[in-house]
PDB file of N, CA and C in Angstrom:
ATOM      1  N   MET A   1    -194.726-220.438-173.270  1.00  0.00           N
ATOM      2  CA  MET A   1    -195.140-221.825-173.242  1.00  0.00           C
ATOM      3  C   MET A   1    -196.379-221.943-172.370  1.00  0.00           C
ATOM      4  N   GLU A   2    -197.407-222.470-172.935  1.00  0.00           N
ATOM      5  CA  GLU A   2    -198.645-222.586-172.197  1.00  0.00           C
ATOM      6  C   GLU A   2    -199.217-223.983-172.373  1.00  0.00           C
ATOM      7  N   ASP A   3    -199.471-224.643-171.263  1.00  0.00           N
ATOM      8  CA  ASP A   3    -200.082-225.972-171.243  1.00  0.00           C
ATOM      9  C   ASP A   3    -199.231-227.058-171.910  1.00  0.00           C
ATOM     10  N   GLU A   4    -197.917-226.852-171.990  1.00  0.00           N
ATOM     11  CA  GLU A   4    -197.066-227.883-172.567  1.00  0.00           C
ATOM     12  C   GLU A   4    -196.750-228.958-171.532  1.00  0.00           C
ATOM     13  N   THR A   5    -196.572-230.164-172.009  1.00  0.00           N
ATOM     14  CA  THR A   5    -196.162-231.254-171.142  1.00  0.00           C
ATOM     15  C   THR A   5    -194.663-231.153-170.901  1.00  0.00           C
ATOM     16  N   ASN A   6    -194.175-231.903-169.940  1.00  0.00           N
ATOM     17  CA  ASN A   6    -192.732-231.934-169.687  1.00  0.00           C
ATOM     18  C   ASN A   6    -191.993-232.337-170.951  1.00  0.00           C
ATOM     19  N   GLU A   7    -192.531-233.293-171.678  1.00  0.00           N
ATOM     20  CA  GLU A   7    -191.891-233.760-172.905  1.00  0.00           C
ATOM     21  C   GLU A   7    -191.823-232.654-173.956  1.00  0.00           C
ATOM     22  N   GLU A   8    -192.904-231.893-174.101  1.00  0.00           N
ATOM     23  CA  GLU A   8    -192.916-230.804-175.074  1.00  0.00           C
ATOM     24  C   GLU A   8    -191.931-229.697-174.675  1.00  0.00           C
ATOM     25  N   ILE A   9    -191.904-229.375-173.383  1.00  0.00           N
ATOM     26  CA  ILE A   9    -190.964-228.361-172.905  1.00  0.00           C
ATOM     27  C   ILE A   9    -189.534-228.827-173.128  1.00  0.00           C
ATOM     28  N   ALA A  10    -189.260-230.091-172.849  1.00  0.00           N
ATOM     29  CA  ALA A  10    -187.920-230.645-173.051  1.00  0.00           C
ATOM     30  C   ALA A  10    -187.497-230.526-174.514  1.00  0.00           C
ATOM     31  N   ARG A  11    -188.402-230.837-175.410  1.00  0.00           N
ATOM     32  CA  ARG A  11    -188.097-230.756-176.841  1.00  0.00           C
ATOM     33  C   ARG A  11    -187.822-229.313-177.253  1.00  0.00           C
ATOM     34  N   ILE A  12    -188.670-228.388-176.805  1.00  0.00           N
ATOM     35  CA  ILE A  12    -188.518-226.983-177.155  1.00  0.00           C
ATOM     36  C   ILE A  12    -187.181-226.429-176.645  1.00  0.00           C
ATOM     37  N   LEU A  13    -186.806-226.805-175.424  1.00  0.00           N
ATOM     38  CA  LEU A  13    -185.594-226.258-174.813  1.00  0.00           C
ATOM     39  C   LEU A  13    -184.347-227.103-175.064  1.00  0.00           C
ATOM     40  N   GLY A  14    -184.536-228.247-175.685  1.00  0.00           N
ATOM     41  CA  GLY A  14    -183.398-229.119-175.944  1.00  0.00           C
ATOM     42  C   GLY A  14    -182.853-229.773-174.685  1.00  0.00           C
ATOM     43  N   LEU A  15    -183.735-230.098-173.771  1.00  0.00           N
ATOM     44  CA  LEU A  15    -183.363-230.733-172.509  1.00  0.00           C
ATOM     45  C   LEU A  15    -183.976-232.118-172.427  1.00  0.00           C
ATOM     46  N   GLY A  16    -183.522-232.893-171.464  1.00  0.00           N
ATOM     47  CA  GLY A  16    -184.129-234.193-171.205  1.00  0.00           C
ATOM     48  C   GLY A  16    -185.440-234.021-170.457  1.00  0.00           C
ATOM     49  N   ARG A  17    -186.369-234.922-170.693  1.00  0.00           N
ATOM     50  CA  ARG A  17    -187.668-234.859-170.011  1.00  0.00           C
ATOM     51  C   ARG A  17    -187.495-234.911-168.499  1.00  0.00           C
ATOM     52  N   SER A  18    -186.560-235.740-168.036  1.00  0.00           N
ATOM     53  CA  SER A  18    -186.339-235.859-166.588  1.00  0.00           C
ATOM     54  C   SER A  18    -185.770-234.565-166.005  1.00  0.00           C
ATOM     55  N   THR A  19    -184.981-233.836-166.780  1.00  0.00           N
ATOM     56  CA  THR A  19    -184.452-232.539-166.320  1.00  0.00           C
ATOM     57  C   THR A  19    -185.591-231.555-166.116  1.00  0.00           C
ATOM     58  N   VAL A  20    -186.498-231.502-167.075  1.00  0.00           N
ATOM     59  CA  VAL A  20    -187.655-230.602-166.962  1.00  0.00           C
ATOM     60  C   VAL A  20    -188.497-230.997-165.759  1.00  0.00           C
ATOM     61  N   LYS A  21    -188.744-232.282-165.600  1.00  0.00           N
ATOM     62  CA  LYS A  21    -189.556-232.768-164.478  1.00  0.00           C
ATOM     63  C   LYS A  21    -188.914-232.377-163.147  1.00  0.00           C
ATOM     64  N   THR A  22    -187.601-232.516-163.061  1.00  0.00           N
ATOM     65  CA  THR A  22    -186.886-232.160-161.839  1.00  0.00           C
ATOM     66  C   THR A  22    -187.048-230.678-161.521  1.00  0.00           C
ATOM     67  N   HIS A  23    -186.891-229.828-162.534  1.00  0.00           N
ATOM     68  CA  HIS A  23    -187.000-228.390-162.314  1.00  0.00           C
ATOM     69  C   HIS A  23    -188.426-227.972-161.968  1.00  0.00           C
ATOM     70  N   VAL A  24    -189.399-228.542-162.657  1.00  0.00           N
ATOM     71  CA  VAL A  24    -190.802-228.227-162.344  1.00  0.00           C
ATOM     72  C   VAL A  24    -191.121-228.647-160.913  1.00  0.00           C
ATOM     73  N   SER A  25    -190.700-229.837-160.540  1.00  0.00           N
ATOM     74  CA  SER A  25    -190.942-230.328-159.178  1.00  0.00           C
ATOM     75  C   SER A  25    -190.296-229.419-158.144  1.00  0.00           C
ATOM     76  N   SER A  26    -189.094-228.949-158.437  1.00  0.00           N
ATOM     77  CA  SER A  26    -188.385-228.056-157.524  1.00  0.00           C
ATOM     78  C   SER A  26    -189.138-226.738-157.361  1.00  0.00           C
ATOM     79  N   ILE A  27    -189.630-226.203-158.454  1.00  0.00           N
ATOM     80  CA  ILE A  27    -190.395-224.949-158.405  1.00  0.00           C
ATOM     81  C   ILE A  27    -191.659-225.132-157.579  1.00  0.00           C
ATOM     82  N   LEU A  28    -192.378-226.218-157.817  1.00  0.00           N
ATOM     83  CA  LEU A  28    -193.616-226.473-157.071  1.00  0.00           C
ATOM     84  C   LEU A  28    -193.332-226.597-155.578  1.00  0.00           C
ATOM     85  N   ARG A  29    -192.262-227.299-155.245  1.00  0.00           N
ATOM     86  CA  ARG A  29    -191.892-227.501-153.842  1.00  0.00           C
ATOM     87  C   ARG A  29    -191.501-226.161-153.194  1.00  0.00           C
ATOM     88  N   ARG A  30    -190.697-225.371-153.878  1.00  0.00           N
ATOM     89  CA  ARG A  30    -190.244-224.090-153.314  1.00  0.00           C
ATOM     90  C   ARG A  30    -191.395-223.114-153.110  1.00  0.00           C
ATOM     91  N   PHE A  31    -192.368-223.152-153.988  1.00  0.00           N
ATOM     92  CA  PHE A  31    -193.525-222.274-153.850  1.00  0.00           C
ATOM     93  C   PHE A  31    -194.618-222.900-152.988  1.00  0.00           C
ATOM     94  N   ASP A  32    -194.410-224.148-152.570  1.00  0.00           N
ATOM     95  CA  ASP A  32    -195.368-224.870-151.733  1.00  0.00           C
ATOM     96  C   ASP A  32    -196.748-224.917-152.382  1.00  0.00           C
ATOM     97  N   VAL A  33    -196.757-225.332-153.656  1.00  0.00           N
ATOM     98  CA  VAL A  33    -197.991-225.462-154.424  1.00  0.00           C
ATOM     99  C   VAL A  33    -198.016-226.827-155.119  1.00  0.00           C
ATOM    100  N   ASP A  34    -199.176-227.176-155.653  1.00  0.00           N
ATOM    101  CA  ASP A  34    -199.347-228.489-156.282  1.00  0.00           C
ATOM    102  C   ASP A  34    -199.452-228.456-157.797  1.00  0.00           C
ATOM    103  N   THR A  35    -199.693-227.293-158.372  1.00  0.00           N
ATOM    104  CA  THR A  35    -199.886-227.218-159.821  1.00  0.00           C
ATOM    105  C   THR A  35    -199.022-226.110-160.422  1.00  0.00           C
ATOM    106  N   ARG A  36    -198.794-226.222-161.723  1.00  0.00           N
ATOM    107  CA  ARG A  36    -198.038-225.184-162.422  1.00  0.00           C
ATOM    108  C   ARG A  36    -198.785-223.857-162.393  1.00  0.00           C
ATOM    109  N   ALA A  37    -200.093-223.917-162.538  1.00  0.00           N
ATOM    110  CA  ALA A  37    -200.891-222.687-162.500  1.00  0.00           C
ATOM    111  C   ALA A  37    -200.743-221.993-161.153  1.00  0.00           C
ATOM    112  N   ALA A  38    -200.742-222.764-160.085  1.00  0.00           N
ATOM    113  CA  ALA A  38    -200.559-222.185-158.753  1.00  0.00           C
ATOM    114  C   ALA A  38    -199.157-221.601-158.606  1.00  0.00           C
ATOM    115  N   ALA A  39    -198.168-222.228-159.219  1.00  0.00           N
ATOM    116  CA  ALA A  39    -196.801-221.710-159.175  1.00  0.00           C
ATOM    117  C   ALA A  39    -196.708-220.373-159.903  1.00  0.00           C
ATOM    118  N   VAL A  40    -197.362-220.260-161.045  1.00  0.00           N
ATOM    119  CA  VAL A  40    -197.370-218.997-161.785  1.00  0.00           C
ATOM    120  C   VAL A  40    -198.051-217.914-160.958  1.00  0.00           C
ATOM    121  N   SER A  41    -199.178-218.253-160.361  1.00  0.00           N
ATOM    122  CA  SER A  41    -199.904-217.301-159.531  1.00  0.00           C
ATOM    123  C   SER A  41    -199.040-216.839-158.359  1.00  0.00           C
ATOM    124  N   ARG A  42    -198.368-217.784-157.731  1.00  0.00           N
ATOM    125  CA  ARG A  42    -197.499-217.448-156.585  1.00  0.00           C
ATOM    126  C   ARG A  42    -196.331-216.570-157.031  1.00  0.00           C
ATOM    127  N   ALA A  43    -195.742-216.879-158.166  1.00  0.00           N
ATOM    128  CA  ALA A  43    -194.635-216.072-158.681  1.00  0.00           C
ATOM    129  C   ALA A  43    -195.095-214.653-158.960  1.00  0.00           C
ATOM    130  N   MET A  44    -196.293-214.524-159.499  1.00  0.00           N
ATOM    131  CA  MET A  44    -196.837-213.198-159.785  1.00  0.00           C
ATOM    132  C   MET A  44    -197.065-212.423-158.490  1.00  0.00           C
ATOM    133  N   GLU A  45    -197.520-213.111-157.447  1.00  0.00           N
ATOM    134  CA  GLU A  45    -197.714-212.466-156.150  1.00  0.00           C
ATOM    135  C   GLU A  45    -196.386-211.979-155.580  1.00  0.00           C
ATOM    136  N   LEU A  46    -195.386-212.821-155.668  1.00  0.00           N
ATOM    137  CA  LEU A  46    -194.087-212.498-155.082  1.00  0.00           C
ATOM    138  C   LEU A  46    -193.363-211.384-155.815  1.00  0.00           C
ATOM    139  N   THR A  47    -193.560-211.298-157.116  1.00  0.00           N
ATOM    140  CA  THR A  47    -192.831-210.310-157.905  1.00  0.00           C
ATOM    141  C   THR A  47    -193.697-209.126-158.309  1.00  0.00           C
ATOM    142  N   ARG A  48    -194.959-209.217-157.969  1.00  0.00           N
ATOM    143  CA  ARG A  48    -195.920-208.189-158.372  1.00  0.00           C
ATOM    144  C   ARG A  48    -195.961-208.028-159.880  1.00  0.00           C
ATOM    145  N   PHE A  49    -195.668-209.115-160.562  1.00  0.00           N
ATOM    146  CA  PHE A  49    -195.667-209.139-162.024  1.00  0.00           C
ATOM    147  C   PHE A  49    -197.088-209.305-162.525  1.00  0.00           C
ATOM    148  N   ARG A  50    -197.444-208.521-163.504  1.00  0.00           N
ATOM    149  CA  ARG A  50    -198.740-208.671-164.164  1.00  0.00           C
ATOM    150  C   ARG A  50    -198.492-208.664-165.659  1.00  0.00           C
ATOM    151  N   PRO A  51    -198.885-209.722-166.329  1.00  0.00           N
ATOM    152  CA  PRO A  51    -198.668-209.763-167.781  1.00  0.00           C
ATOM    153  C   PRO A  51    -199.540-208.735-168.494  1.00  0.00           C
ATOM    154  N   VAL A  52    -199.027-208.198-169.555  1.00  0.00           N
ATOM    155  CA  VAL A  52    -199.798-207.272-170.384  1.00  0.00           C
ATOM    156  C   VAL A  52    -200.514-208.103-171.433  1.00  0.00           C
ATOM    157  N   ILE A  53    -201.809-207.948-171.500  1.00  0.00           N
ATOM    158  CA  ILE A  53    -202.612-208.714-172.446  1.00  0.00           C
ATOM    159  C   ILE A  53    -203.181-207.737-173.471  1.00  0.00           C
ATOM    160  N   GLY A  54    -202.727-207.882-174.692  1.00  0.00           N
ATOM    161  CA  GLY A  54    -203.218-207.028-175.769  1.00  0.00           C
ATOM    162  C   GLY A  54    -202.591-205.644-175.732  1.00  0.00           C
ATOM    163  N   PRO A  55    -202.912-204.853-176.759  1.00  0.00           N
ATOM    164  CA  PRO A  55    -202.368-203.494-176.820  1.00  0.00           C
ATOM    165  C   PRO A  55    -202.948-202.611-175.741  1.00  0.00           C
ATOM    166  N   GLU A  56    -202.152-201.677-175.297  1.00  0.00           N
ATOM    167  CA  GLU A  56    -202.628-200.762-174.241  1.00  0.00           C
ATOM    168  C   GLU A  56    -203.187-199.502-174.836  1.00  0.00           C
TER     169      GLU A  56
END
């Protein structure tokens, strides 16, 4: 999921929009960041995860 709104994520996952908003807010707060992009970056730092882009 990339650049989806809370409403789009809720529809895709079969959840309520407010549930998605609550979880996103919780993630942002726990990572002490203001944006979803910053949360992804922080998660990658913490887990040393690097996505594979394209064939190797």
